[in-house]
Protein backbone atom coordinates (compact mmCIF):
# COMPACT_ATOMS: atom_id res chain seq x y z
CA UNK A 1 0.00 0.00 0.00
CA UNK A 2 2.85 2.39 0.95
CA UNK A 3 4.52 1.41 -2.26
CA UNK A 4 1.26 2.34 -4.19
CA UNK A 5 0.97 5.81 -2.72
CA UNK A 6 4.60 6.48 -3.56
CA UNK A 7 4.20 5.25 -7.14
CA UNK A 8 3.83 7.47 -10.25
CA UNK A 9 0.31 6.18 -10.87
CA UNK A 10 -0.90 7.29 -7.48
CA UNK A 11 0.63 10.68 -8.01
CA UNK A 12 -1.18 10.98 -11.33
CA UNK A 13 -4.53 9.93 -9.83
CA UNK A 14 -4.18 12.38 -6.97
CA UNK A 15 -3.30 15.13 -9.45
CA UNK A 16 -6.42 14.44 -11.46
CA UNK A 17 -8.64 14.40 -8.37
CA UNK A 18 -7.09 17.61 -7.20
CA UNK A 19 -7.72 19.19 -10.57
CA UNK A 20 -11.34 18.05 -10.56
CA UNK A 21 -11.88 19.37 -7.07
CA UNK A 22 -10.23 22.64 -8.03
CA UNK A 23 -12.45 22.85 -11.18
CA UNK A 24 -15.56 22.17 -9.11
CA UNK A 25 -14.54 24.83 -6.65
CA UNK A 26 -13.94 27.36 -9.37
CA UNK A 27 -17.19 26.50 -11.15
CA UNK A 28 -19.21 26.84 -7.97
CA UNK A 29 -17.60 30.06 -7.03
CA UNK A 30 -17.07 31.73 -10.42
CA UNK A 31 -19.82 30.06 -12.59
CA UNK A 32 -22.51 28.95 -10.16
CA UNK A 33 -25.90 27.34 -10.86
CA UNK A 34 -28.56 30.03 -11.33
CA UNK A 35 -32.29 30.19 -12.22
CA UNK A 36 -33.59 32.46 -14.98
CA UNK A 37 -36.97 33.22 -16.59
CA UNK A 38 -36.91 33.26 -20.37
CA UNK A 39 -39.88 35.38 -21.40
CA UNK A 40 -42.06 35.30 -24.53
CA UNK A 41 -41.13 31.89 -25.79
CA UNK A 42 -43.37 31.35 -28.87
CA UNK A 43 -45.75 28.40 -28.78
CA UNK A 44 -45.90 26.39 -31.99
CA UNK A 45 -49.32 25.02 -32.95
CA UNK A 46 -48.81 21.53 -34.32
CA UNK A 47 -50.94 19.08 -36.33
CA UNK A 48 -53.62 21.50 -37.52
CA UNK A 49 -55.75 19.79 -40.20
CA UNK A 50 -55.88 22.67 -42.68
CA UNK A 51 -58.34 20.82 -44.92
CA UNK A 52 -60.97 21.06 -42.17
CA UNK A 53 -59.98 23.91 -39.87
CA UNK A 54 -58.24 27.28 -39.71
CA UNK A 55 -57.30 29.54 -36.83
CA UNK A 56 -60.18 31.90 -36.08
CA UNK A 57 -57.67 34.72 -35.73
CA UNK A 58 -54.31 33.89 -37.23
CA UNK A 59 -52.96 37.23 -36.02
CA UNK A 60 -52.95 35.97 -32.42
CA UNK A 61 -49.57 34.66 -31.25
CA UNK A 62 -49.15 32.51 -28.17
CA UNK A 63 -46.23 32.78 -25.72
CA UNK A 64 -45.08 31.18 -22.46
CA UNK A 65 -42.56 32.26 -19.86
CA UNK A 66 -40.09 29.47 -19.01
CA UNK A 67 -38.09 29.19 -15.78
CA UNK A 68 -34.80 27.31 -16.22
CA UNK A 69 -31.74 26.44 -14.13
CA UNK A 70 -28.14 26.05 -15.22
CA UNK A 71 -24.65 27.44 -15.08
CA UNK A 72 -24.51 31.18 -15.30
CA UNK A 73 -22.38 31.07 -18.45
CA UNK A 74 -25.03 28.93 -20.21
CA UNK A 75 -28.07 30.74 -18.90
CA UNK A 76 -26.64 34.11 -19.90
CA UNK A 77 -26.77 33.16 -23.58
CA UNK A 78 -30.09 31.34 -23.72
CA UNK A 79 -32.76 32.89 -26.01
CA UNK A 80 -36.51 32.26 -26.53
CA UNK A 81 -35.79 30.44 -29.79
CA UNK A 82 -33.50 28.01 -27.94
CA UNK A 83 -36.56 26.64 -26.13
CA UNK A 84 -39.31 24.64 -27.81
CA UNK A 85 -42.93 25.15 -26.73
CA UNK A 86 -45.80 23.55 -28.59
CA UNK A 87 -49.51 22.72 -28.40
CA UNK A 88 -51.06 19.79 -30.25
CA UNK A 89 -54.19 20.54 -32.34
CA UNK A 90 -54.79 16.96 -33.46
CA UNK A 91 -58.42 15.90 -32.96
CA UNK A 92 -59.63 19.36 -31.96
CA UNK A 93 -63.02 20.78 -33.04
CA UNK A 94 -64.48 24.09 -34.23
CA UNK A 95 -64.75 26.72 -31.53
CA UNK A 96 -62.62 27.23 -28.42
CA UNK A 97 -60.08 24.55 -27.48
CA UNK A 98 -58.10 24.57 -24.23
CA UNK A 99 -54.73 23.04 -25.12
CA UNK A 100 -51.93 21.89 -22.79
CA UNK A 101 -48.52 23.33 -23.63
CA UNK A 102 -45.39 21.17 -23.62
CA UNK A 103 -41.93 22.71 -23.20
CA UNK A 104 -38.46 21.28 -23.81
CA UNK A 105 -35.15 23.00 -23.06
CA UNK A 106 -31.54 22.39 -24.19
CA UNK A 107 -29.84 19.37 -22.58
CA UNK A 108 -27.43 21.39 -20.45
CA UNK A 109 -30.26 23.42 -18.90
CA UNK A 110 -32.85 22.20 -16.40
CA UNK A 111 -36.55 23.07 -16.83
CA UNK A 112 -37.95 24.33 -13.55
CA UNK A 113 -41.39 25.68 -14.51
CA UNK A 114 -43.35 27.54 -17.24
CA UNK A 115 -46.61 29.47 -17.55
CA UNK A 116 -49.23 29.40 -18.76
CA UNK A 117 -49.64 25.64 -18.79
CA UNK A 118 -52.61 25.88 -21.19
CA UNK A 119 -53.69 28.18 -24.01
CA UNK A 120 -57.14 28.80 -25.53
CA UNK A 121 -57.12 28.38 -29.31
CA UNK A 122 -60.23 29.10 -31.41
CA UNK A 123 -60.73 27.14 -34.62
CA UNK A 124 -62.91 27.92 -37.64
CA UNK A 125 -64.30 25.19 -39.87
CA UNK A 126 -63.41 25.32 -43.56
CA UNK A 127 -66.72 25.66 -45.43
CA UNK A 128 -67.96 26.07 -48.99
CA UNK A 129 -70.82 28.36 -50.00
CA UNK A 130 -72.36 29.43 -53.30
CA UNK A 131 -72.90 33.13 -53.96
CA UNK A 132 -74.39 35.10 -56.85
CA UNK A 133 -72.08 37.28 -58.92
CA UNK A 134 -72.85 41.01 -58.84
CA UNK A 135 -71.77 43.17 -61.78
CA UNK A 136 -70.53 46.67 -60.96
CA UNK A 137 -71.18 48.84 -64.03
CA UNK A 138 -68.94 51.90 -64.27
CA UNK A 139 -69.20 54.88 -66.59
CA UNK A 140 -72.05 56.15 -68.76
CA UNK A 141 -72.89 55.01 -72.29
CA UNK A 142 -73.10 57.35 -75.28
CA UNK A 143 -75.81 60.04 -75.31
CA UNK A 144 -79.21 58.61 -76.13
CA UNK A 145 -78.27 55.15 -74.85
CA UNK A 146 -78.68 53.34 -71.55
CA UNK A 147 -77.44 50.05 -70.15
CA UNK A 148 -79.70 47.19 -69.19
CA UNK A 149 -79.25 44.76 -66.31
CA UNK A 150 -76.00 42.85 -66.97
CA UNK A 151 -75.70 39.08 -67.06
CA UNK A 152 -72.73 37.11 -65.68
CA UNK A 153 -71.85 33.63 -66.90
CA UNK A 154 -71.69 31.67 -64.67
CA UNK A 155 -74.15 33.52 -62.44
CA UNK A 156 -72.69 32.13 -59.18
CA UNK A 157 -69.32 31.07 -57.75
CA UNK A 158 -68.32 28.70 -54.94
CA UNK A 159 -66.49 30.29 -52.01
CA UNK A 160 -64.19 28.28 -49.75
CA UNK A 161 -62.48 29.32 -46.56
CA UNK A 162 -62.87 29.71 -42.79
CA UNK A 163 -66.52 30.03 -41.84
CA UNK A 164 -66.13 33.50 -40.30
CA UNK A 165 -64.35 34.79 -43.41
CA UNK A 166 -66.92 33.27 -45.78
CA UNK A 167 -69.77 34.67 -43.65
CA UNK A 168 -68.16 38.12 -43.87
CA UNK A 169 -68.40 38.10 -47.67
CA UNK A 170 -71.26 40.32 -48.82
CA UNK A 171 -70.48 40.66 -52.53
CA UNK A 172 -68.71 38.74 -55.23
CA UNK A 173 -68.20 41.43 -57.82
CA UNK A 174 -66.97 41.89 -61.38
CA UNK A 175 -66.43 45.47 -62.56
CA UNK A 176 -67.04 46.52 -66.16
CA UNK A 177 -66.63 49.93 -67.83
CA UNK A 178 -69.19 50.97 -70.48
CA UNK A 179 -68.10 54.60 -70.91
CA UNK A 180 -69.19 55.97 -74.28
CA UNK A 181 -70.57 52.66 -75.56
CA UNK A 182 -73.53 52.51 -77.94
CA UNK A 183 -73.86 48.73 -78.30
CA UNK A 184 -73.78 45.62 -76.12
CA UNK A 185 -70.53 45.12 -74.19
CA UNK A 186 -69.12 41.61 -73.56
CA UNK A 187 -65.97 41.00 -71.53
CA UNK A 188 -64.24 38.31 -69.45
CA UNK A 189 -63.46 39.78 -66.04
CA UNK A 190 -61.74 38.80 -62.77
CA UNK A 191 -63.80 38.58 -59.59
CA UNK A 192 -63.36 40.31 -56.25
CA UNK A 193 -64.66 38.96 -52.94
CA UNK A 194 -65.72 41.90 -50.75
CA UNK A 195 -67.02 42.39 -47.21
CA UNK A 196 -69.60 44.96 -46.12
CA UNK A 197 -66.90 47.67 -46.07
CA UNK A 198 -65.83 46.92 -49.62
CA UNK A 199 -62.57 45.26 -48.50
CA UNK A 200 -61.30 42.14 -50.23
CA UNK A 201 -61.37 38.90 -48.22
CA UNK A 202 -57.93 37.45 -48.89
CA UNK A 203 -58.49 34.24 -46.89
CA UNK A 204 -61.38 33.13 -49.09
CA UNK A 205 -60.78 31.23 -52.32
CA UNK A 206 -63.37 30.96 -55.08
CA UNK A 207 -64.03 29.11 -58.27
CA UNK A 208 -64.17 30.06 -61.04
CA UNK A 209 -62.05 33.19 -60.64
CA UNK A 210 -63.30 34.89 -63.86
CA UNK A 211 -66.73 35.33 -65.45
CA UNK A 212 -68.05 36.47 -68.81
CA UNK A 213 -70.15 39.62 -68.38
CA UNK A 214 -72.66 40.87 -70.95
CA UNK A 215 -74.10 44.38 -70.60
CA UNK A 216 -76.81 45.24 -73.16
CA UNK A 217 -76.61 48.90 -74.26
CA UNK A 218 -79.81 50.10 -75.95
CA UNK A 219 -81.15 53.36 -77.47
CA UNK A 220 -83.57 55.20 -75.15
CA UNK A 221 -85.90 58.19 -75.06
CA UNK A 222 -87.90 59.93 -72.34
CA UNK A 223 -91.56 60.30 -73.27
CA UNK A 224 -94.51 61.89 -71.48
CA UNK A 225 -97.50 59.89 -70.28
CA UNK A 226 -100.87 61.10 -71.59
CA UNK A 227 -103.83 59.76 -69.58
CA UNK A 228 -106.56 58.51 -71.90
CA UNK A 229 -109.77 59.73 -70.20
CA UNK A 230 -113.09 58.46 -71.52
CA UNK A 231 -116.58 59.66 -70.63
CA UNK A 232 -117.55 62.70 -68.57
CA UNK A 233 -118.49 63.39 -64.96
CA UNK A 234 -122.13 63.64 -63.92
CA UNK A 235 -123.89 66.79 -65.12
CA UNK A 236 -123.00 69.71 -62.86
CA UNK A 237 -119.49 68.38 -62.26
CA UNK A 238 -116.20 69.09 -64.02
CA UNK A 239 -112.68 67.68 -64.32
CA UNK A 240 -110.42 69.98 -62.34
CA UNK A 241 -107.10 68.28 -63.11
CA UNK A 242 -105.61 65.08 -64.51
CA UNK A 243 -102.21 63.82 -63.37
CA UNK A 244 -100.10 60.78 -64.17
CA UNK A 245 -97.47 59.32 -61.85
CA UNK A 246 -94.95 58.89 -63.29
CA UNK A 247 -95.55 61.63 -65.83
CA UNK A 248 -92.45 60.67 -67.85
CA UNK A 249 -91.05 57.22 -68.58
CA UNK A 250 -87.93 55.99 -70.32
CA UNK A 251 -88.51 53.65 -73.24
CA UNK A 252 -86.36 51.71 -75.66
CA UNK A 253 -87.13 50.71 -79.22
CA UNK A 254 -85.44 50.68 -82.62
CA UNK A 255 -83.85 54.10 -83.19
CA UNK A 256 -86.16 55.01 -86.09
CA UNK A 257 -89.19 54.39 -83.86
CA UNK A 258 -87.76 56.40 -80.96
CA UNK A 259 -87.19 59.47 -83.13
CA UNK A 260 -90.93 59.70 -83.84
CA UNK A 261 -92.08 58.96 -80.28
CA UNK A 262 -92.81 61.94 -78.01
CA UNK A 263 -95.58 60.59 -75.77
CA UNK A 264 -97.37 57.41 -74.80
CA UNK A 265 -101.06 57.21 -73.95
CA UNK A 266 -102.47 55.01 -71.22
CA UNK A 267 -105.18 52.46 -71.62
CA UNK A 268 -108.65 54.11 -71.39
CA UNK A 269 -109.92 55.26 -67.99
CA UNK A 270 -113.71 55.69 -67.96
CA UNK A 271 -115.05 58.37 -65.60
CA UNK A 272 -118.59 58.46 -66.95
CA UNK A 273 -121.02 59.70 -64.28
CA UNK A 274 -118.43 60.21 -61.50
CA UNK A 275 -118.85 62.99 -58.94
CA UNK A 276 -115.61 62.65 -57.00
CA UNK A 277 -111.89 62.20 -57.61
CA UNK A 278 -110.91 58.99 -59.38
CA UNK A 279 -107.54 57.28 -58.82
CA UNK A 280 -106.66 54.23 -60.90
CA UNK A 281 -103.62 52.16 -61.87
CA UNK A 282 -103.65 51.83 -65.66
CA UNK A 283 -101.16 50.36 -68.08
CA UNK A 284 -99.30 52.34 -70.74
CA UNK A 285 -100.51 51.54 -74.25
CA UNK A 286 -97.09 50.99 -75.79
CA UNK A 287 -96.71 50.99 -79.58
CA UNK A 288 -95.37 47.84 -81.18
CA UNK A 289 -91.66 47.35 -80.53
CA UNK A 290 -91.54 49.86 -77.66
CA UNK A 291 -90.51 48.67 -74.19
CA UNK A 292 -90.17 50.45 -70.86
CA UNK A 293 -86.72 50.78 -69.30
CA UNK A 294 -86.82 51.24 -65.53
CA UNK A 295 -83.98 50.88 -63.03
CA UNK A 296 -81.84 49.47 -65.86
CA UNK A 297 -84.37 46.73 -66.49
CA UNK A 298 -86.58 46.28 -69.51
CA UNK A 299 -89.99 46.16 -67.87
CA UNK A 300 -92.77 43.89 -69.00
CA UNK A 301 -95.54 46.16 -70.30
CA UNK A 302 -98.08 43.83 -68.71
CA UNK A 303 -96.62 44.57 -65.29
CA UNK A 304 -95.89 48.31 -65.48
CA UNK A 305 -98.72 50.62 -64.42
CA UNK A 306 -99.22 54.37 -64.14
CA UNK A 307 -101.24 55.96 -61.34
CA UNK A 308 -103.75 58.33 -62.93
CA UNK A 309 -105.59 60.83 -60.73
CA UNK A 310 -108.65 62.60 -62.13
CA UNK A 311 -109.87 65.37 -59.82
CA UNK A 312 -113.62 65.96 -60.16
CA UNK A 313 -115.52 68.83 -58.49
CA UNK A 314 -118.85 70.61 -58.66
CA UNK A 315 -119.14 73.31 -61.30
CA UNK A 316 -119.31 76.89 -60.05
CA UNK A 317 -119.84 80.12 -62.06
CA UNK A 318 -118.37 83.59 -61.97
CA UNK A 319 -119.13 86.74 -63.97
CA UNK A 320 -116.19 88.71 -65.33
CA UNK A 321 -116.52 92.14 -66.97
CA UNK A 322 -114.21 93.11 -69.82
CA UNK A 323 -113.97 96.66 -71.26
CA UNK A 324 -113.65 97.40 -75.02
CA UNK A 325 -110.02 98.36 -74.42
CA UNK A 326 -109.31 94.77 -73.39
CA UNK A 327 -110.68 93.33 -76.63
CA UNK A 328 -108.07 92.27 -79.17
CA UNK A 329 -108.47 92.33 -82.93
CA UNK A 330 -106.75 89.61 -84.90
CA UNK A 331 -105.92 89.56 -88.61
CA UNK A 332 -106.81 93.27 -88.98
CA UNK A 333 -105.47 94.79 -92.20
CA UNK A 334 -102.53 97.12 -91.46
CA UNK A 335 -104.23 99.79 -93.61
CA UNK A 336 -107.24 99.98 -91.29
CA UNK A 337 -107.91 101.30 -87.81
CA UNK A 338 -110.73 99.93 -85.61
CA UNK A 339 -113.22 101.69 -83.36
CA UNK A 340 -114.99 99.19 -81.05
CA UNK A 341 -118.43 99.98 -79.66
CA UNK A 342 -118.10 101.36 -76.15
CA UNK A 343 -119.92 98.75 -74.12
CA UNK A 344 -118.81 96.41 -71.35
CA UNK A 345 -118.72 92.71 -72.07
CA UNK A 346 -119.90 90.33 -69.34
CA UNK A 347 -118.61 86.76 -69.50
CA UNK A 348 -119.96 83.90 -67.43
CA UNK A 349 -117.12 81.51 -66.65
CA UNK A 350 -117.66 78.01 -65.28
CA UNK A 351 -115.05 75.93 -63.43
CA UNK A 352 -114.26 73.90 -60.30
CA UNK A 353 -115.76 75.57 -57.26
CA UNK A 354 -112.50 75.40 -55.25
CA UNK A 355 -110.60 77.60 -57.74
CA UNK A 356 -113.29 79.63 -59.53
CA UNK A 357 -112.19 82.76 -57.65
CA UNK A 358 -108.89 82.70 -59.54
CA UNK A 359 -110.64 83.76 -62.72
CA UNK A 360 -110.39 87.49 -63.63
CA UNK A 361 -110.10 89.60 -66.76
CA UNK A 362 -106.33 88.99 -66.89
CA UNK A 363 -106.95 85.26 -67.27
CA UNK A 364 -109.41 85.68 -70.16
CA UNK A 365 -108.57 86.54 -73.74
CA UNK A 366 -111.46 88.28 -75.56
CA UNK A 367 -110.96 88.97 -79.27
CA UNK A 368 -112.59 89.81 -82.59
CA UNK A 369 -111.62 88.14 -85.85
CA UNK A 370 -111.19 90.94 -88.40
CA UNK A 371 -109.92 88.76 -91.22
CA UNK A 372 -111.42 89.86 -94.55
CA UNK A 373 -113.22 92.91 -93.13
CA UNK A 374 -113.08 96.14 -95.19
CA UNK A 375 -113.60 99.77 -94.38
CA UNK A 376 -116.98 100.49 -92.83
CA UNK A 377 -119.24 99.36 -90.06
CA UNK A 378 -119.43 95.67 -89.07
CA UNK A 379 -121.15 93.57 -86.44
CA UNK A 380 -118.66 90.93 -85.38
CA UNK A 381 -119.10 87.92 -83.10
CA UNK A 382 -117.01 88.05 -79.95
CA UNK A 383 -114.79 85.11 -79.06
CA UNK A 384 -113.13 84.32 -75.74
CA UNK A 385 -110.56 81.87 -74.41
CA UNK A 386 -109.92 80.86 -70.82
CA UNK A 387 -107.30 78.43 -69.49
CA UNK A 388 -108.26 74.87 -68.55
CA UNK A 389 -110.09 73.66 -66.53
CA UNK A 390 -112.36 76.72 -66.91
CA UNK A 391 -114.72 77.27 -69.83
CA UNK A 392 -116.88 80.13 -71.11
CA UNK A 393 -120.59 79.52 -70.62
CA UNK A 394 -121.92 82.79 -72.01
CA UNK A 395 -120.80 86.14 -73.52
CA UNK A 396 -123.13 89.14 -73.27
CA UNK A 397 -123.36 90.74 -75.73
CA UNK A 398 -121.80 88.17 -78.03
CA UNK A 399 -121.93 90.46 -81.10
CA UNK A 400 -120.45 93.94 -81.08
CA UNK A 401 -120.22 96.79 -83.57
CA UNK A 402 -116.83 97.61 -85.04
CA UNK A 403 -116.12 100.57 -87.33
CA UNK A 404 -113.08 100.28 -89.59
CA UNK A 405 -111.44 103.34 -91.08
CA UNK A 406 -108.62 103.58 -93.54
CA UNK A 407 -105.46 105.10 -92.15
């Protein structure tokens, strides 16, 4: 034994042990074991079946704080990416899922603790939905033309994506420009998938991604509606006013027909024997080849109606006096001067009782027709005109003496 401790081998062993003990001393004193919290370690979401599910909000990132132990020199250099944290999404369902988090650290570092131990991950099912294609028509056609409701082929597309994203889609739109066009426009156009704010939904795919759009552009004209009133109110009553709503409609037809068309009558409205206002829905009597254009749709003439209002009131009378100075002479020879008999003319005017007071001498035109009359004394029949709905019942006197003299 004494011989062993005095041998070279023993000396070498003791030297090694001394070195190890010295190293352990130095490490414990100069590079001790310490604990450290590595913050914001990203959690990886594993095994998500992307054919069935998507993250409800892929902008959300998940992190854990990890407490580790190790030598100071090792701990000082450890970073969040050196630690692996993950949550397993295999077998999870749509909606909220509470997932356990697993953490692993480098081999020379000891895991002490981490938090949170669980994270809440919301999943959205991948769904498909069919939606009609809307055509956004931009620009205005050439003067005298208007566009008619466009047609997309195909009329619908299939959307695919997370349920919340698909549900947010309000419009699948193709935009077409018809500025200055005077004939039907056909174009193949890309589609845009838009939410209620007009923003594109990037997470939603669709098929097909283009459509063929046809926009008919037709010649048009605005024409007035003329109510076709048949019959007359009961005796002692009068038509005060006739109105059509709408009073003007837009129609389309071959251009040669449109050029000749200024108005369209309605189907007959019979008011025979009525004593009060009549309101009826009647159809326009469209000439052959003429169609109504309304809200960029060619309307079926069998469906379009016009509201016609015929106001009927009792007849009332009013006497209006006109002096000779207010009598006009028409077609008088420029070589002659006229001297009208100095007598007042009394006119009896009939009209609706609610507005009969509006009638005065300014509203009535009283005149003599002097066409063909020569120099001398003449007895000429008086004529008078009054605006509708009034009419002249009587003129007293209705014949007056006129003396013509050569200038």
